[in-house]
Structure formats: C-alpha cells, structure tokens
C-alpha cells in the first residue's frame, strides 16, 4: 500500500489530480499503475504528447511493423498505436472510474488537429473515436474553437463524454458551458453517465500577457506580470459556479446531470522566475481537475501547498483583469493568438510524427 501523498490531500479538497502524459512504457513497466497508487486519478493526452512518445525509443516499433507489413497505411497505423495506449490506460484507470461512480478515471484522446476549424469533420471524428474505443471512461477531446462548439453540443446530446480543450477566454468558456447544458437538454433519459470537463489553459496566458506587458513597459504594466493566468482562471471558476445553479440546472440534476468541471491545463510554469507549483497551489477547489506533466506532479508532491485557493477572492481576480485592460492588454486578442498557436502546434506535431512514421515505414520496407 502506497503512503498517502499530497495528491490524496488535493482530492480531499475536491480537486482531482490528473497526469498530462501517456506513453507505452508507462503501461508495460507498471509506472502508470504506480502513479495511480500515489493519487493520480485520470490522464490527458494530445498530439504533441503522442509525437514525443512514438517518435522516440522503440516501444512502438513491433506493433507499427506488424501494421505496415499487413498493409495498413501510416496514418491508420498511427491511430492504432494511439488506440492501443488509450485502451491500456482506460483498463488501468477503470477501477478509479468505478470507485468514484464515474467522476474520475478518465483518459482523453484528441481528434485529429487538422479538424480544429472543421465542425462537420470534428463531429464525425469524435463519434468515430467513441465508437471505436467504446469504454465509459473515455473522453474525446474537442478543441474549444468557434467551430468546435456545435460538435460539443451534438456529442453531449448523443450521450458521449467530452473533454473540451484549448480554452483561453472567458467568453469562449461561456459558450462551452452553454453547449454542455444544451447538449444535456437534448440527451435522452438518465444523464448520470454523460461527463465533461472544460480545459482552461493556464501558463500560456501568462507567457503571452507578460510579453505584452513588457512591451508596454510602464511601471503599472510591469507590476502585473505573472498575474493574468491565475486571475482569469479564478474568474472562470466563479462563472462556473454561477452557471451550474438555478432552475435550469436543477431540472437537469433531477435527471442525473453532473457539472462540467473546469480542468486546469498547461500548468507547468514556463517562466523560471515563478514558483514551479503556482499553477496548482493557487487553483485548488471543489469540482475542479488539474492535469499536470510529470515534473509539476513531482514538484507538487515535494513542496506544493494544499489549501482551498481558487475562490478566496474572486473580486480581486476580476480587479486584476480590469487592471490589465487599463494598461492596454486586450485579453480577447491574447486568447485568439493563443488559440491559433495551440491549433498550429498540435497540427505541426501531428505532421512531424506522420513524417517520421513514413520514414520508418520506408526503412522497414527496405529491410
């Protein structure tokens, strides 16, 4: 039996610690099982994570070789590799799902990044992934782009669980929550097994806002560095609380509905001047998820602070956002830039991985 850790303490305060990583070696070596014993309660993945996992080392070579030898295309082989990892993680985390009555134990897989601006393609791909990997603790990730909103509502309406990713603005977050509510209203029967999280990206907001504050250069602007991401997430949490209450929500709860939890993503600090656990320590509270890369989990286990912080002063958080506007930071523009960068980064990682697999397939063919 593994000793109690800060991750267990985090869960006692209502926040679920998840891991933002997945690779074949974790499944075969027992490493993922050890993380679960230490308190990890779910997994997220994205195209960049799989690009790193599959393109380094030899863990995937045997399966990839068999697929190519059998006539499978490189792109289809990639999805088979991904599905194998996701299915292995789903099985390992199924006990967490069952023990939590379907709150945790989820594993996320993302639709192809090229679909981020394609509503119809996103809907079709999300449906296909849910049908191909038909497990109750699967989240299919749909980007929270303007084009992603309708597919989110449709998938929820069909009873499919969704992780909405790449959320960078409060306005888009409001649209995501509305899509979830409207989808639940369209769904038939018991709603208790329809689940969703809304992944609000954190550290990238500070990176972009700090860059702009340094360009502005005034003392008032420079004093706001490192504050935007936490403030925006804390205001988002207040809006989450306000949305999931009242008559409309009560009617859905009567049918078994569960809140769409905010998920804090991109929680490793990019600026070494900031504490390495700040995007965990300052966003702790009920009905939330924090998905962390290994180094952030390790840092939090070592010296993180466990206390309810996400809603200690929502008015101060809003004042920070107001101050950013006053010095000339347009958070709507920040969000659009970050969304475009995020979509492009995932597409680039996917294209690079397919290129590397093409090369590997050619090498296998020459052998």
Protein backbone atom coordinates (compact mmCIF):
# COMPACT_ATOMS: atom_id res chain seq x y z
CA UNK A 1 0.00 0.00 0.00
CA UNK A 2 1.47 3.33 -1.07
CA UNK A 3 1.71 6.04 1.58
CA UNK A 4 -0.71 8.96 1.46
CA UNK A 5 0.55 11.85 -0.66
CA UNK A 6 -0.31 15.49 -1.32
CA UNK A 7 -2.32 14.26 -4.31
CA UNK A 8 -4.68 12.46 -1.96
CA UNK A 9 -4.91 15.63 0.14
CA UNK A 10 -5.74 17.58 -3.02
CA UNK A 11 -8.60 15.21 -3.75
CA UNK A 12 -9.93 15.71 -0.21
CA UNK A 13 -10.44 19.38 -1.15
CA UNK A 14 -12.46 18.41 -4.22
CA UNK A 15 -9.77 18.69 -6.89
CA UNK A 16 -8.81 15.67 -8.99
CA UNK A 17 -5.11 15.46 -9.91
CA UNK A 18 -4.61 14.04 -13.39
CA UNK A 19 -1.46 13.42 -15.40
CA UNK A 20 -0.87 15.19 -18.69
CA UNK A 21 1.15 12.47 -20.36
CA UNK A 22 0.91 8.92 -21.70
CA UNK A 23 3.39 6.58 -23.32
CA UNK A 24 3.64 2.86 -23.96
CA UNK A 25 6.45 2.29 -21.48
CA UNK A 26 4.30 3.55 -18.61
CA UNK A 27 1.79 0.80 -19.30
CA UNK A 28 4.27 -2.04 -19.78
CA UNK A 29 6.55 -1.15 -16.85
CA UNK A 30 3.88 -0.52 -14.25
CA UNK A 31 4.83 3.16 -13.97
CA UNK A 32 1.29 4.36 -14.64
CA UNK A 33 -0.07 1.97 -12.01
CA UNK A 34 2.39 3.46 -9.51
CA UNK A 35 1.22 6.98 -10.35
CA UNK A 36 -2.36 5.92 -9.72
CA UNK A 37 -1.36 4.49 -6.35
CA UNK A 38 0.23 7.85 -5.50
CA UNK A 39 -3.03 9.65 -6.21
CA UNK A 40 -3.30 10.34 -9.96
CA UNK A 41 -6.97 9.97 -10.94
CA UNK A 42 -7.03 10.48 -14.73
CA UNK A 43 -4.95 11.08 -17.84
CA UNK A 44 -4.92 13.59 -20.66
CA UNK A 45 -3.07 13.30 -23.95
CA UNK A 46 -2.69 15.41 -27.06
CA UNK A 47 -0.95 15.18 -30.44
CA UNK A 48 2.27 16.68 -29.04
CA UNK A 49 2.40 14.07 -26.28
CA UNK A 50 1.98 11.21 -28.75
CA UNK A 51 4.51 12.77 -31.10
CA UNK A 52 7.13 12.65 -28.34
CA UNK A 53 6.13 9.16 -27.18
CA UNK A 54 6.01 7.44 -30.56
CA UNK A 55 8.94 9.17 -32.27
CA UNK A 56 11.47 8.39 -29.52
CA UNK A 57 12.67 4.96 -28.50
CA UNK A 58 11.49 1.60 -29.77
CA UNK A 59 8.37 0.91 -27.67
CA UNK A 60 6.07 1.13 -30.69
CA UNK A 61 8.25 -0.48 -33.35
CA UNK A 62 6.91 -4.02 -33.11
CA UNK A 63 3.25 -3.05 -33.39
CA UNK A 64 3.98 -0.47 -36.10
CA UNK A 65 5.97 -3.02 -38.12
CA UNK A 66 3.15 -5.56 -37.96
CA UNK A 67 0.62 -2.98 -39.09
CA UNK A 68 2.73 -1.79 -42.02
CA UNK A 69 3.56 -5.35 -43.06
CA UNK A 70 -0.18 -6.06 -43.05
CA UNK A 71 -0.86 -3.24 -45.48
CA UNK A 72 -2.10 -0.62 -43.02
CA UNK A 73 -1.45 2.98 -44.07
CA UNK A 74 0.89 5.07 -41.95
CA UNK A 75 -1.91 7.35 -40.73
CA UNK A 76 -4.16 4.42 -39.84
CA UNK A 77 -1.21 2.76 -38.12
CA UNK A 78 -0.73 5.90 -36.02
CA UNK A 79 -4.32 5.76 -34.82
CA UNK A 80 -3.91 2.07 -33.99
CA UNK A 81 -0.84 2.86 -31.88
CA UNK A 82 -2.76 5.61 -30.09
CA UNK A 83 -5.81 3.41 -29.55
CA UNK A 84 -3.64 0.68 -28.00
CA UNK A 85 -2.19 3.13 -25.47
CA UNK A 86 -5.57 4.68 -24.70
CA UNK A 87 -7.21 1.28 -24.24
CA UNK A 88 -4.43 0.15 -21.90
CA UNK A 89 -4.77 3.30 -19.81
CA UNK A 90 -8.56 3.01 -19.77
CA UNK A 91 -8.33 -0.51 -18.36
CA UNK A 92 -5.84 0.56 -15.72
CA UNK A 93 -7.96 3.52 -14.63
CA UNK A 94 -11.31 1.74 -14.79
CA UNK A 95 -11.19 0.89 -11.06
CA UNK A 96 -10.84 4.62 -10.31
CA UNK A 97 -13.85 5.31 -12.52
CA UNK A 98 -15.92 2.64 -10.81
CA UNK A 99 -14.89 3.59 -7.28
CA UNK A 100 -15.66 7.28 -7.91
CA UNK A 101 -19.03 6.47 -9.51
CA UNK A 102 -17.89 7.86 -12.84
CA UNK A 103 -16.35 11.11 -11.60
CA UNK A 104 -12.71 10.26 -12.30
CA UNK A 105 -10.72 7.52 -14.02
CA UNK A 106 -10.98 9.16 -17.46
CA UNK A 107 -8.44 9.01 -20.28
CA UNK A 108 -8.59 11.61 -23.06
CA UNK A 109 -7.81 11.22 -26.74
CA UNK A 110 -7.99 14.14 -29.18
CA UNK A 111 -9.50 14.30 -32.64
CA UNK A 112 -7.00 15.00 -35.44
CA UNK A 113 -5.70 18.58 -35.06
CA UNK A 114 -6.39 19.37 -38.73
CA UNK A 115 -10.11 19.34 -37.81
CA UNK A 116 -9.94 22.27 -35.38
CA UNK A 117 -11.69 24.59 -37.87
CA UNK A 118 -13.98 21.91 -39.32
CA UNK A 119 -17.26 21.42 -37.44
CA UNK A 120 -18.58 18.54 -39.53
CA UNK A 121 -15.22 16.76 -39.55
CA UNK A 122 -14.85 17.17 -35.79
CA UNK A 123 -18.31 15.75 -35.14
CA UNK A 124 -17.66 12.73 -37.35
CA UNK A 125 -14.20 12.07 -35.87
CA UNK A 126 -15.41 12.39 -32.27
CA UNK A 127 -18.27 9.99 -32.91
CA UNK A 128 -15.88 7.52 -34.60
CA UNK A 129 -13.42 7.58 -31.69
CA UNK A 130 -16.20 6.99 -29.17
CA UNK A 131 -17.50 4.06 -31.18
CA UNK A 132 -14.04 2.59 -31.88
CA UNK A 133 -12.97 2.82 -28.21
CA UNK A 134 -16.30 2.08 -26.56
CA UNK A 135 -15.38 2.49 -22.90
CA UNK A 136 -17.35 4.54 -20.37
CA UNK A 137 -14.24 6.31 -19.05
CA UNK A 138 -13.13 7.67 -22.43
CA UNK A 139 -13.08 11.39 -23.05
CA UNK A 140 -12.77 12.52 -26.65
CA UNK A 141 -11.11 15.92 -26.79
CA UNK A 142 -12.68 18.57 -29.00
CA UNK A 143 -10.92 21.94 -29.31
CA UNK A 144 -12.90 24.85 -27.89
CA UNK A 145 -12.69 26.78 -31.15
CA UNK A 146 -15.74 28.53 -32.58
CA UNK A 147 -16.10 25.58 -34.94
CA UNK A 148 -15.94 23.14 -32.02
CA UNK A 149 -18.97 24.46 -30.12
CA UNK A 150 -21.67 22.80 -32.23
CA UNK A 151 -19.95 19.37 -32.23
CA UNK A 152 -19.58 19.58 -28.44
CA UNK A 153 -23.32 20.11 -28.04
CA UNK A 154 -24.11 17.33 -30.51
CA UNK A 155 -21.81 14.81 -28.82
CA UNK A 156 -23.19 15.57 -25.36
CA UNK A 157 -26.70 15.28 -26.81
CA UNK A 158 -25.79 11.80 -28.05
CA UNK A 159 -24.61 10.82 -24.57
CA UNK A 160 -20.88 10.93 -25.37
CA UNK A 161 -18.40 12.27 -22.81
CA UNK A 162 -16.21 15.14 -24.00
CA UNK A 163 -13.10 16.98 -22.84
CA UNK A 164 -13.25 20.47 -24.34
CA UNK A 165 -9.66 21.60 -24.85
CA UNK A 166 -7.77 24.77 -25.82
CA UNK A 167 -9.97 27.25 -23.93
CA UNK A 168 -8.23 30.59 -23.46
CA UNK A 169 -11.00 33.14 -22.88
CA UNK A 170 -13.93 33.72 -20.55
CA UNK A 171 -16.29 34.39 -23.45
CA UNK A 172 -15.44 31.09 -25.15
CA UNK A 173 -15.73 29.32 -21.81
CA UNK A 174 -19.28 30.66 -21.50
CA UNK A 175 -20.07 29.21 -24.95
CA UNK A 176 -18.60 25.85 -23.91
CA UNK A 177 -20.72 25.69 -20.76
CA UNK A 178 -23.81 26.60 -22.78
CA UNK A 179 -23.03 23.84 -25.31
CA UNK A 180 -22.82 21.35 -22.46
CA UNK A 181 -26.12 22.46 -20.92
CA UNK A 182 -27.91 22.49 -24.27
CA UNK A 183 -26.50 19.07 -25.09
CA UNK A 184 -27.76 17.66 -21.81
CA UNK A 185 -31.19 19.09 -22.52
CA UNK A 186 -31.19 17.28 -25.88
CA UNK A 187 -30.00 13.96 -24.43
CA UNK A 188 -32.49 11.22 -23.72
CA UNK A 189 -33.15 9.55 -20.37
CA UNK A 190 -30.68 9.28 -17.50
CA UNK A 191 -27.87 11.84 -17.69
CA UNK A 192 -25.64 10.44 -14.96
CA UNK A 193 -23.14 8.78 -17.30
CA UNK A 194 -22.62 11.82 -19.51
CA UNK A 195 -19.47 13.58 -18.37
CA UNK A 196 -17.44 16.57 -19.49
CA UNK A 197 -14.56 18.78 -18.46
CA UNK A 198 -13.68 22.21 -19.83
CA UNK A 199 -9.91 22.55 -20.18
CA UNK A 200 -8.82 26.11 -19.43
CA UNK A 201 -5.19 26.64 -20.41
CA UNK A 202 -3.14 28.50 -17.81
CA UNK A 203 0.59 29.06 -18.23
CA UNK A 204 0.44 30.07 -21.89
CA UNK A 205 -1.77 33.01 -20.88
CA UNK A 206 0.95 34.40 -18.62
CA UNK A 207 3.60 33.84 -21.28
CA UNK A 208 1.71 35.92 -23.85
CA UNK A 209 0.39 38.55 -21.44
CA UNK A 210 3.80 39.04 -19.82
CA UNK A 211 5.31 39.57 -23.27
CA UNK A 212 2.79 42.32 -23.94
CA UNK A 213 3.24 43.89 -20.52
CA UNK A 214 6.99 44.09 -21.08
CA UNK A 215 6.40 45.74 -24.45
CA UNK A 216 4.16 48.32 -22.77
CA UNK A 217 6.91 48.80 -20.20
CA UNK A 218 5.22 51.16 -17.76
CA UNK A 219 5.56 50.53 -14.01
CA UNK A 220 1.83 49.78 -13.80
CA UNK A 221 2.11 47.24 -16.61
CA UNK A 222 5.25 45.55 -15.29
CA UNK A 223 3.66 45.19 -11.85
CA UNK A 224 1.00 42.92 -13.38
CA UNK A 225 3.40 40.31 -14.74
CA UNK A 226 2.59 36.76 -13.69
CA UNK A 227 -0.95 37.55 -12.56
CA UNK A 228 -3.17 37.20 -15.64
CA UNK A 229 -3.48 33.42 -15.88
CA UNK A 230 -4.42 32.79 -12.25
CA UNK A 231 -6.83 35.73 -12.20
CA UNK A 232 -8.59 34.62 -15.36
CA UNK A 233 -8.92 31.04 -14.09
CA UNK A 234 -10.30 32.24 -10.76
CA UNK A 235 -12.89 34.38 -12.53
CA UNK A 236 -13.71 31.39 -14.75
CA UNK A 237 -14.33 29.32 -11.63
CA UNK A 238 -16.72 31.96 -10.29
CA UNK A 239 -18.61 31.86 -13.59
CA UNK A 240 -18.70 28.07 -13.44
CA UNK A 241 -20.31 28.26 -10.01
CA UNK A 242 -22.83 30.81 -11.23
CA UNK A 243 -23.73 28.77 -14.32
CA UNK A 244 -24.33 25.43 -12.63
CA UNK A 245 -27.11 26.58 -10.33
CA UNK A 246 -30.71 27.76 -10.60
CA UNK A 247 -33.86 26.33 -12.14
CA UNK A 248 -32.36 25.28 -15.47
CA UNK A 249 -29.59 23.34 -13.80
CA UNK A 250 -31.85 21.88 -11.13
CA UNK A 251 -34.06 20.39 -13.85
CA UNK A 252 -31.02 18.62 -15.32
CA UNK A 253 -29.78 17.45 -11.92
CA UNK A 254 -33.19 15.80 -11.45
CA UNK A 255 -32.29 13.68 -14.48
CA UNK A 256 -28.87 12.78 -13.07
CA UNK A 257 -26.72 15.51 -14.65
CA UNK A 258 -23.27 16.31 -13.34
CA UNK A 259 -21.39 19.58 -13.57
CA UNK A 260 -18.89 20.13 -16.35
CA UNK A 261 -15.80 20.54 -14.20
CA UNK A 262 -13.18 23.18 -15.04
CA UNK A 263 -9.90 21.47 -15.84
CA UNK A 264 -6.72 23.49 -15.41
CA UNK A 265 -4.33 22.54 -18.22
CA UNK A 266 -0.88 23.78 -19.21
CA UNK A 267 0.02 24.04 -15.54
CA UNK A 268 3.80 23.78 -15.72
CA UNK A 269 5.38 27.19 -15.19
CA UNK A 270 7.17 28.43 -18.30
CA UNK A 271 8.92 31.32 -16.53
CA UNK A 272 11.61 30.04 -14.11
CA UNK A 273 11.12 33.17 -12.02
CA UNK A 274 7.69 31.88 -10.94
CA UNK A 275 7.23 29.13 -8.32
CA UNK A 276 7.03 25.76 -10.04
CA UNK A 277 3.78 24.83 -8.29
CA UNK A 278 1.99 28.17 -8.58
CA UNK A 279 -0.49 26.96 -11.21
CA UNK A 280 -1.53 24.19 -8.83
CA UNK A 281 -1.30 25.91 -5.45
CA UNK A 282 -3.46 28.88 -6.45
CA UNK A 283 -6.24 26.99 -8.27
CA UNK A 284 -7.40 24.42 -5.72
CA UNK A 285 -11.09 23.99 -5.02
CA UNK A 286 -14.15 21.75 -5.28
CA UNK A 287 -15.31 20.31 -8.61
CA UNK A 288 -12.05 21.02 -10.43
CA UNK A 289 -9.34 18.99 -12.17
CA UNK A 290 -5.67 19.88 -12.57
CA UNK A 291 -3.81 17.91 -15.24
CA UNK A 292 -0.07 18.17 -14.76
CA UNK A 293 3.07 16.97 -16.53
CA UNK A 294 5.37 14.71 -14.53
CA UNK A 295 7.72 17.46 -13.40
CA UNK A 296 4.87 19.51 -11.98
CA UNK A 297 3.41 16.49 -10.19
CA UNK A 298 6.84 15.75 -8.72
CA UNK A 299 7.23 19.37 -7.60
CA UNK A 300 3.78 19.42 -6.02
CA UNK A 301 4.41 16.13 -4.22
CA UNK A 302 7.64 17.58 -2.86
CA UNK A 303 6.63 21.10 -1.81
CA UNK A 304 3.14 22.00 -3.01
CA UNK A 305 0.69 23.79 -0.72
CA UNK A 306 -2.68 22.13 -0.15
CA UNK A 307 -5.37 24.71 0.62
CA UNK A 308 -8.58 25.93 -0.99
CA UNK A 309 -7.46 28.89 -3.06
CA UNK A 310 -9.44 29.08 -6.30
CA UNK A 311 -12.28 31.16 -4.83
CA UNK A 312 -10.74 33.00 -1.90
CA UNK A 313 -11.15 36.42 -3.58
CA UNK A 314 -12.96 36.47 -6.92
CA UNK A 315 -13.34 40.25 -6.77
CA UNK A 316 -9.56 40.68 -6.57
CA UNK A 317 -9.16 38.36 -9.56
CA UNK A 318 -11.63 40.46 -11.57
CA UNK A 319 -9.79 43.62 -10.49
CA UNK A 320 -6.59 42.16 -11.92
CA UNK A 321 -8.29 41.55 -15.28
CA UNK A 322 -9.63 45.10 -15.21
CA UNK A 323 -6.16 46.44 -14.47
CA UNK A 324 -4.74 44.52 -17.42
CA UNK A 325 -7.30 46.18 -19.69
CA UNK A 326 -6.46 49.58 -18.23
CA UNK A 327 -2.76 49.27 -19.10
CA UNK A 328 -3.62 48.15 -22.63
CA UNK A 329 -3.71 44.34 -22.68
CA UNK A 330 -6.55 43.03 -24.86
CA UNK A 331 -7.34 39.62 -23.39
CA UNK A 332 -9.66 38.76 -26.28
CA UNK A 333 -6.77 39.22 -28.68
CA UNK A 334 -4.49 37.25 -26.35
CA UNK A 335 -6.98 34.38 -26.41
CA UNK A 336 -7.21 34.36 -30.21
CA UNK A 337 -3.44 34.39 -30.61
CA UNK A 338 -3.06 31.54 -28.14
CA UNK A 339 -5.83 29.51 -29.74
CA UNK A 340 -4.23 29.89 -33.17
CA UNK A 341 -0.83 28.96 -31.73
CA UNK A 342 -2.26 25.94 -29.94
CA UNK A 343 -4.04 24.62 -33.01
CA UNK A 344 -0.90 25.17 -35.12
CA UNK A 345 1.37 23.48 -32.56
CA UNK A 346 -0.78 20.34 -32.40
CA UNK A 347 -1.05 20.21 -36.19
CA UNK A 348 2.73 20.60 -36.52
CA UNK A 349 3.36 17.80 -34.01
CA UNK A 350 0.94 15.52 -35.85
CA UNK A 351 2.50 16.26 -39.25
CA UNK A 352 6.02 15.71 -37.91
CA UNK A 353 5.03 12.40 -36.38
CA UNK A 354 3.40 11.15 -39.58
CA UNK A 355 6.54 12.20 -41.45
CA UNK A 356 8.73 10.26 -39.01
CA UNK A 357 6.48 7.20 -39.33
CA UNK A 358 6.60 7.49 -43.13
CA UNK A 359 10.38 7.33 -42.91
CA UNK A 360 10.24 4.39 -40.53
CA UNK A 361 7.83 2.57 -42.84
CA UNK A 362 10.19 3.10 -45.76
CA UNK A 363 13.05 1.71 -43.69
CA UNK A 364 11.01 -1.35 -42.79
CA UNK A 365 10.16 -1.85 -46.44
CA UNK A 366 13.85 -1.85 -47.36
CA UNK A 367 14.78 -4.32 -44.63
